[in-house]
């Protein structure tokens, strides 16, 4: 009988770096699959993922053709990490406010961590950390029971999380090399938040 491996599902909203997110996770010996943002809720549930990642994307959440996932993903009882557009979508679907930024934020930014927990693990709260921003919308008001745990000069809600449920949103891209703490963040999400075990290899995928 084939060994069952913990699985992370990425819902793809059109980001150029979605494949890179998956590669980063697989490099940690955790199985990862990419599915379209429109994947049916029953299909996601049947795959029994340990966690979901909502990728970035080129759209605004207010575009007429903006991609939306079934909001039922937040009732599956599993951790969800929203990246850039994915974070904005999470905030909007759970009752927060997202608006057009006065100026598109693109490039390096200094992230100040207020709370070293969850995806930040033991990262320093004293010194800023370089991250890579690329977004035209910004979070303006959090949903009920969300708090901010990191900010940048132009993004007061650069990282947010739910007080009691495992929902986390980041306005930057942890998967790219310019985010120097990116791998720390992804590893903390898959291992500490989702509880994945590093048992998967490409060989096990081929053998399956």
C-alpha atoms as a PDB file:
ATOM      1  CA  UNK A   1       0.000   0.000   0.000  1.00  0.00           C
ATOM      2  CA  UNK A   2       1.390   3.387  -1.010  1.00  0.00           C
ATOM      3  CA  UNK A   3       2.338   5.743   1.780  1.00  0.00           C
ATOM      4  CA  UNK A   4       0.004   8.689   2.221  1.00  0.00           C
ATOM      5  CA  UNK A   5       1.767  12.055   2.300  1.00  0.00           C
ATOM      6  CA  UNK A   6       0.566  15.298   3.825  1.00  0.00           C
ATOM      7  CA  UNK A   7      -0.644  17.659   1.126  1.00  0.00           C
ATOM      8  CA  UNK A   8      -0.817  21.411   0.587  1.00  0.00           C
ATOM      9  CA  UNK A   9      -3.204  22.765  -2.056  1.00  0.00           C
ATOM     10  CA  UNK A  10      -2.502  26.043  -3.865  1.00  0.00           C
ATOM     11  CA  UNK A  11      -5.455  27.798  -5.454  1.00  0.00           C
ATOM     12  CA  UNK A  12      -4.121  29.719  -8.443  1.00  0.00           C
ATOM     13  CA  UNK A  13      -5.402  33.247  -9.089  1.00  0.00           C
ATOM     14  CA  UNK A  14      -3.081  33.923 -12.006  1.00  0.00           C
ATOM     15  CA  UNK A  15       0.187  34.848 -10.328  1.00  0.00           C
ATOM     16  CA  UNK A  16       3.398  34.485 -12.315  1.00  0.00           C
ATOM     17  CA  UNK A  17       4.981  32.879  -9.248  1.00  0.00           C
ATOM     18  CA  UNK A  18       2.391  30.220  -8.374  1.00  0.00           C
ATOM     19  CA  UNK A  19       4.657  27.462  -9.684  1.00  0.00           C
ATOM     20  CA  UNK A  20       7.461  28.881  -7.564  1.00  0.00           C
ATOM     21  CA  UNK A  21       5.333  28.605  -4.413  1.00  0.00           C
ATOM     22  CA  UNK A  22       4.739  24.936  -5.191  1.00  0.00           C
ATOM     23  CA  UNK A  23       8.429  24.341  -5.828  1.00  0.00           C
ATOM     24  CA  UNK A  24       9.391  25.948  -2.533  1.00  0.00           C
ATOM     25  CA  UNK A  25       7.008  23.643  -0.681  1.00  0.00           C
ATOM     26  CA  UNK A  26       8.109  20.502  -2.519  1.00  0.00           C
ATOM     27  CA  UNK A  27      11.724  21.381  -1.729  1.00  0.00           C
ATOM     28  CA  UNK A  28      10.737  20.902   1.916  1.00  0.00           C
ATOM     29  CA  UNK A  29       9.594  17.333   1.136  1.00  0.00           C
ATOM     30  CA  UNK A  30       5.912  18.211   1.409  1.00  0.00           C
ATOM     31  CA  UNK A  31       3.568  17.243  -1.429  1.00  0.00           C
ATOM     32  CA  UNK A  32       1.858  20.173  -3.120  1.00  0.00           C
ATOM     33  CA  UNK A  33      -0.701  20.497  -5.906  1.00  0.00           C
ATOM     34  CA  UNK A  34      -1.865  23.559  -7.844  1.00  0.00           C
ATOM     35  CA  UNK A  35      -5.555  23.859  -8.695  1.00  0.00           C
ATOM     36  CA  UNK A  36      -7.553  26.652 -10.336  1.00  0.00           C
ATOM     37  CA  UNK A  37      -9.172  29.188  -8.034  1.00  0.00           C
ATOM     38  CA  UNK A  38     -12.551  27.828  -9.139  1.00  0.00           C
ATOM     39  CA  UNK A  39     -11.920  24.308  -7.826  1.00  0.00           C
ATOM     40  CA  UNK A  40     -15.202  22.995  -6.358  1.00  0.00           C
ATOM     41  CA  UNK A  41     -15.375  22.897  -2.589  1.00  0.00           C
ATOM     42  CA  UNK A  42     -16.261  19.194  -2.562  1.00  0.00           C
ATOM     43  CA  UNK A  43     -13.164  18.416  -4.627  1.00  0.00           C
ATOM     44  CA  UNK A  44     -10.919  20.350  -2.244  1.00  0.00           C
ATOM     45  CA  UNK A  45     -12.481  18.614   0.746  1.00  0.00           C
ATOM     46  CA  UNK A  46     -12.042  15.193  -0.865  1.00  0.00           C
ATOM     47  CA  UNK A  47      -8.312  15.813  -1.341  1.00  0.00           C
ATOM     48  CA  UNK A  48      -7.963  16.263   2.438  1.00  0.00           C
ATOM     49  CA  UNK A  49      -5.211  18.894   2.347  1.00  0.00           C
ATOM     50  CA  UNK A  50      -3.413  19.914   5.515  1.00  0.00           C
ATOM     51  CA  UNK A  51      -3.589  23.530   4.378  1.00  0.00           C
ATOM     52  CA  UNK A  52      -4.525  25.895   1.568  1.00  0.00           C
ATOM     53  CA  UNK A  53      -2.525  28.673  -0.055  1.00  0.00           C
ATOM     54  CA  UNK A  54      -4.298  31.386  -2.035  1.00  0.00           C
ATOM     55  CA  UNK A  55      -1.837  32.702  -4.609  1.00  0.00           C
ATOM     56  CA  UNK A  56      -1.331  36.241  -5.787  1.00  0.00           C
ATOM     57  CA  UNK A  57      -2.791  37.465  -9.046  1.00  0.00           C
ATOM     58  CA  UNK A  58      -2.949  40.427 -11.431  1.00  0.00           C
ATOM     59  CA  UNK A  59      -6.555  41.442 -10.709  1.00  0.00           C
ATOM     60  CA  UNK A  60      -8.186  43.723  -8.185  1.00  0.00           C
ATOM     61  CA  UNK A  61     -10.827  42.108  -5.995  1.00  0.00           C
ATOM     62  CA  UNK A  62     -13.194  44.760  -7.400  1.00  0.00           C
ATOM     63  CA  UNK A  63     -12.656  43.960 -11.076  1.00  0.00           C
ATOM     64  CA  UNK A  64     -15.795  42.743 -12.840  1.00  0.00           C
ATOM     65  CA  UNK A  65     -14.003  39.543 -13.798  1.00  0.00           C
ATOM     66  CA  UNK A  66     -12.027  39.162 -10.565  1.00  0.00           C
ATOM     67  CA  UNK A  67     -11.427  35.498  -9.670  1.00  0.00           C
ATOM     68  CA  UNK A  68     -13.171  34.396  -6.481  1.00  0.00           C
ATOM     69  CA  UNK A  69     -13.002  31.046  -4.729  1.00  0.00           C
ATOM     70  CA  UNK A  70     -15.884  29.474  -2.868  1.00  0.00           C
ATOM     71  CA  UNK A  71     -15.928  31.194   0.535  1.00  0.00           C
ATOM     72  CA  UNK A  72     -16.648  27.779   2.011  1.00  0.00           C
ATOM     73  CA  UNK A  73     -12.892  27.165   2.010  1.00  0.00           C
ATOM     74  CA  UNK A  74     -12.869  29.057   5.303  1.00  0.00           C
ATOM     75  CA  UNK A  75     -15.192  26.468   6.820  1.00  0.00           C
ATOM     76  CA  UNK A  76     -13.043  23.427   5.996  1.00  0.00           C
ATOM     77  CA  UNK A  77     -11.280  23.572   9.351  1.00  0.00           C
ATOM     78  CA  UNK A  78      -7.785  23.834   7.843  1.00  0.00           C
ATOM     79  CA  UNK A  79      -5.179  26.620   7.771  1.00  0.00           C
ATOM     80  CA  UNK A  80      -5.312  29.143   4.927  1.00  0.00           C
ATOM     81  CA  UNK A  81      -2.443  31.398   3.836  1.00  0.00           C
ATOM     82  CA  UNK A  82      -3.352  34.237   1.486  1.00  0.00           C
ATOM     83  CA  UNK A  83      -0.528  35.808  -0.531  1.00  0.00           C
ATOM     84  CA  UNK A  84      -1.005  39.329  -1.963  1.00  0.00           C
ATOM     85  CA  UNK A  85      -4.268  39.039  -3.963  1.00  0.00           C
ATOM     86  CA  UNK A  86      -5.038  35.928  -1.925  1.00  0.00           C
ATOM     87  CA  UNK A  87      -4.744  37.942   1.293  1.00  0.00           C
ATOM     88  CA  UNK A  88      -6.985  40.694  -0.068  1.00  0.00           C
ATOM     89  CA  UNK A  89      -9.550  38.127  -1.183  1.00  0.00           C
ATOM     90  CA  UNK A  90      -9.533  36.514   2.258  1.00  0.00           C
ATOM     91  CA  UNK A  91     -10.071  39.863   3.950  1.00  0.00           C
ATOM     92  CA  UNK A  92     -12.901  40.835   1.600  1.00  0.00           C
ATOM     93  CA  UNK A  93     -14.691  37.473   1.777  1.00  0.00           C
ATOM     94  CA  UNK A  94     -14.555  37.499   5.575  1.00  0.00           C
ATOM     95  CA  UNK A  95     -15.983  41.002   5.915  1.00  0.00           C
ATOM     96  CA  UNK A  96     -13.029  43.385   5.756  1.00  0.00           C
ATOM     97  CA  UNK A  97     -12.374  46.279   3.391  1.00  0.00           C
ATOM     98  CA  UNK A  98      -9.924  46.383   0.483  1.00  0.00           C
ATOM     99  CA  UNK A  99      -9.399  49.565  -1.551  1.00  0.00           C
ATOM    100  CA  UNK A 100      -7.244  50.848  -4.371  1.00  0.00           C
ATOM    101  CA  UNK A 101      -3.904  52.088  -3.084  1.00  0.00           C
ATOM    102  CA  UNK A 102      -3.025  55.708  -3.834  1.00  0.00           C
ATOM    103  CA  UNK A 103       0.165  54.413  -5.391  1.00  0.00           C
ATOM    104  CA  UNK A 104       0.956  50.878  -6.524  1.00  0.00           C
ATOM    105  CA  UNK A 105       3.527  49.317  -4.192  1.00  0.00           C
ATOM    106  CA  UNK A 106       6.173  47.446  -6.138  1.00  0.00           C
ATOM    107  CA  UNK A 107       9.642  46.460  -5.001  1.00  0.00           C
ATOM    108  CA  UNK A 108      11.567  45.970  -1.802  1.00  0.00           C
ATOM    109  CA  UNK A 109      10.043  47.033   1.497  1.00  0.00           C
ATOM    110  CA  UNK A 110      11.042  46.779   5.136  1.00  0.00           C
ATOM    111  CA  UNK A 111       8.705  44.606   7.180  1.00  0.00           C
ATOM    112  CA  UNK A 112       8.407  45.303  10.892  1.00  0.00           C
ATOM    113  CA  UNK A 113       7.143  42.275  12.799  1.00  0.00           C
ATOM    114  CA  UNK A 114       4.964  43.113  15.791  1.00  0.00           C
ATOM    115  CA  UNK A 115       4.273  39.567  16.940  1.00  0.00           C
ATOM    116  CA  UNK A 116       6.733  36.714  16.487  1.00  0.00           C
ATOM    117  CA  UNK A 117       4.268  33.852  16.242  1.00  0.00           C
ATOM    118  CA  UNK A 118       2.662  31.600  13.662  1.00  0.00           C
ATOM    119  CA  UNK A 119       4.434  32.092  10.329  1.00  0.00           C
ATOM    120  CA  UNK A 120       7.116  34.330  11.828  1.00  0.00           C
ATOM    121  CA  UNK A 121       8.265  31.786  14.395  1.00  0.00           C
ATOM    122  CA  UNK A 122      11.359  33.145  16.120  1.00  0.00           C
ATOM    123  CA  UNK A 123      12.151  35.896  13.583  1.00  0.00           C
ATOM    124  CA  UNK A 124      13.352  39.130  15.150  1.00  0.00           C
ATOM    125  CA  UNK A 125      10.821  41.794  16.101  1.00  0.00           C
ATOM    126  CA  UNK A 126      13.603  44.326  16.636  1.00  0.00           C
ATOM    127  CA  UNK A 127      15.065  44.652  13.152  1.00  0.00           C
ATOM    128  CA  UNK A 128      13.114  45.130   9.892  1.00  0.00           C
ATOM    129  CA  UNK A 129      13.130  42.354   7.316  1.00  0.00           C
ATOM    130  CA  UNK A 130      13.347  42.863   3.551  1.00  0.00           C
ATOM    131  CA  UNK A 131      10.283  41.644   1.646  1.00  0.00           C
ATOM    132  CA  UNK A 132       9.022  42.053  -1.927  1.00  0.00           C
ATOM    133  CA  UNK A 133       5.747  43.892  -2.530  1.00  0.00           C
ATOM    134  CA  UNK A 134       3.709  43.928  -5.731  1.00  0.00           C
ATOM    135  CA  UNK A 135       0.122  45.120  -5.355  1.00  0.00           C
ATOM    136  CA  UNK A 136      -2.209  47.912  -6.431  1.00  0.00           C
ATOM    137  CA  UNK A 137      -4.892  47.327  -3.781  1.00  0.00           C
ATOM    138  CA  UNK A 138      -4.389  47.488  -0.050  1.00  0.00           C
ATOM    139  CA  UNK A 139      -6.217  46.255   3.013  1.00  0.00           C
ATOM    140  CA  UNK A 140      -7.971  49.174   4.730  1.00  0.00           C
ATOM    141  CA  UNK A 141     -10.070  47.478   7.414  1.00  0.00           C
ATOM    142  CA  UNK A 142      -9.742  44.029   8.913  1.00  0.00           C
ATOM    143  CA  UNK A 143     -12.591  41.558   9.328  1.00  0.00           C
ATOM    144  CA  UNK A 144     -13.844  40.909  12.842  1.00  0.00           C
ATOM    145  CA  UNK A 145     -11.387  38.982  15.023  1.00  0.00           C
ATOM    146  CA  UNK A 146      -8.404  39.687  12.750  1.00  0.00           C
ATOM    147  CA  UNK A 147      -5.282  41.447  13.991  1.00  0.00           C
ATOM    148  CA  UNK A 148      -2.195  42.822  12.293  1.00  0.00           C
ATOM    149  CA  UNK A 149       1.111  41.155  13.159  1.00  0.00           C
ATOM    150  CA  UNK A 150       3.450  43.016  10.784  1.00  0.00           C
ATOM    151  CA  UNK A 151       3.502  46.284   8.855  1.00  0.00           C
ATOM    152  CA  UNK A 152       5.576  48.181   6.317  1.00  0.00           C
ATOM    153  CA  UNK A 153       5.839  51.882   5.537  1.00  0.00           C
ATOM    154  CA  UNK A 154       2.998  51.818   3.008  1.00  0.00           C
ATOM    155  CA  UNK A 155       1.129  48.709   4.203  1.00  0.00           C
ATOM    156  CA  UNK A 156      -0.154  48.995   7.779  1.00  0.00           C
ATOM    157  CA  UNK A 157      -1.711  45.536   7.367  1.00  0.00           C
ATOM    158  CA  UNK A 158       1.259  43.834   5.705  1.00  0.00           C
ATOM    159  CA  UNK A 159       0.565  40.614   7.630  1.00  0.00           C
ATOM    160  CA  UNK A 160      -2.708  39.797   9.342  1.00  0.00           C
ATOM    161  CA  UNK A 161      -4.170  36.786  11.077  1.00  0.00           C
ATOM    162  CA  UNK A 162      -7.350  35.634  12.749  1.00  0.00           C
ATOM    163  CA  UNK A 163      -7.203  35.632  16.542  1.00  0.00           C
ATOM    164  CA  UNK A 164      -8.310  32.025  16.948  1.00  0.00           C
ATOM    165  CA  UNK A 165      -8.595  30.397  13.510  1.00  0.00           C
ATOM    166  CA  UNK A 166      -5.560  29.515  11.338  1.00  0.00           C
ATOM    167  CA  UNK A 167      -6.103  32.203   8.693  1.00  0.00           C
ATOM    168  CA  UNK A 168      -3.081  34.316   7.732  1.00  0.00           C
ATOM    169  CA  UNK A 169      -2.644  36.919   5.006  1.00  0.00           C
ATOM    170  CA  UNK A 170       0.551  38.542   3.735  1.00  0.00           C
ATOM    171  CA  UNK A 171       0.666  41.532   1.376  1.00  0.00           C
ATOM    172  CA  UNK A 172       4.115  40.542   0.096  1.00  0.00           C
ATOM    173  CA  UNK A 173       5.505  37.525  -1.777  1.00  0.00           C
ATOM    174  CA  UNK A 174       7.347  35.035   0.486  1.00  0.00           C
ATOM    175  CA  UNK A 175       8.141  32.746  -2.455  1.00  0.00           C
ATOM    176  CA  UNK A 176      10.531  35.146  -4.236  1.00  0.00           C
ATOM    177  CA  UNK A 177      14.229  35.499  -3.445  1.00  0.00           C
ATOM    178  CA  UNK A 178      13.916  39.229  -2.679  1.00  0.00           C
ATOM    179  CA  UNK A 179      11.899  38.328   0.436  1.00  0.00           C
ATOM    180  CA  UNK A 180      14.841  37.297   2.567  1.00  0.00           C
ATOM    181  CA  UNK A 181      12.689  35.606   5.216  1.00  0.00           C
ATOM    182  CA  UNK A 182      10.423  33.957   2.656  1.00  0.00           C
ATOM    183  CA  UNK A 183      11.488  30.375   3.245  1.00  0.00           C
ATOM    184  CA  UNK A 184      11.196  30.850   7.012  1.00  0.00           C
ATOM    185  CA  UNK A 185       7.611  31.984   6.496  1.00  0.00           C
ATOM    186  CA  UNK A 186       6.655  29.128   4.173  1.00  0.00           C
ATOM    187  CA  UNK A 187       8.320  26.511   6.378  1.00  0.00           C
ATOM    188  CA  UNK A 188       6.587  27.865   9.474  1.00  0.00           C
ATOM    189  CA  UNK A 189       3.263  27.717   7.662  1.00  0.00           C
ATOM    190  CA  UNK A 190       3.568  24.153   6.372  1.00  0.00           C
ATOM    191  CA  UNK A 191       5.237  22.661   9.445  1.00  0.00           C
ATOM    192  CA  UNK A 192       4.127  24.728  12.449  1.00  0.00           C
ATOM    193  CA  UNK A 193       0.691  25.943  11.358  1.00  0.00           C
ATOM    194  CA  UNK A 194      -0.415  23.044   9.129  1.00  0.00           C
ATOM    195  CA  UNK A 195       1.501  20.303  10.947  1.00  0.00           C
ATOM    196  CA  UNK A 196       2.861  18.673   7.789  1.00  0.00           C
ATOM    197  CA  UNK A 197       5.500  15.956   7.933  1.00  0.00           C
ATOM    198  CA  UNK A 198       8.402  16.054   5.413  1.00  0.00           C
ATOM    199  CA  UNK A 199       7.919  12.600   3.899  1.00  0.00           C
ATOM    200  CA  UNK A 200       7.444  13.311   0.186  1.00  0.00           C
ATOM    201  CA  UNK A 201      10.042  13.069  -2.572  1.00  0.00           C
ATOM    202  CA  UNK A 202       9.873  13.170  -6.361  1.00  0.00           C
ATOM    203  CA  UNK A 203      10.731   9.481  -6.347  1.00  0.00           C
ATOM    204  CA  UNK A 204       7.657   8.669  -4.287  1.00  0.00           C
ATOM    205  CA  UNK A 205       5.576  10.670  -6.774  1.00  0.00           C
ATOM    206  CA  UNK A 206       7.001   8.720  -9.731  1.00  0.00           C
ATOM    207  CA  UNK A 207       6.454   5.400  -7.968  1.00  0.00           C
ATOM    208  CA  UNK A 208       2.836   6.299  -7.335  1.00  0.00           C
END
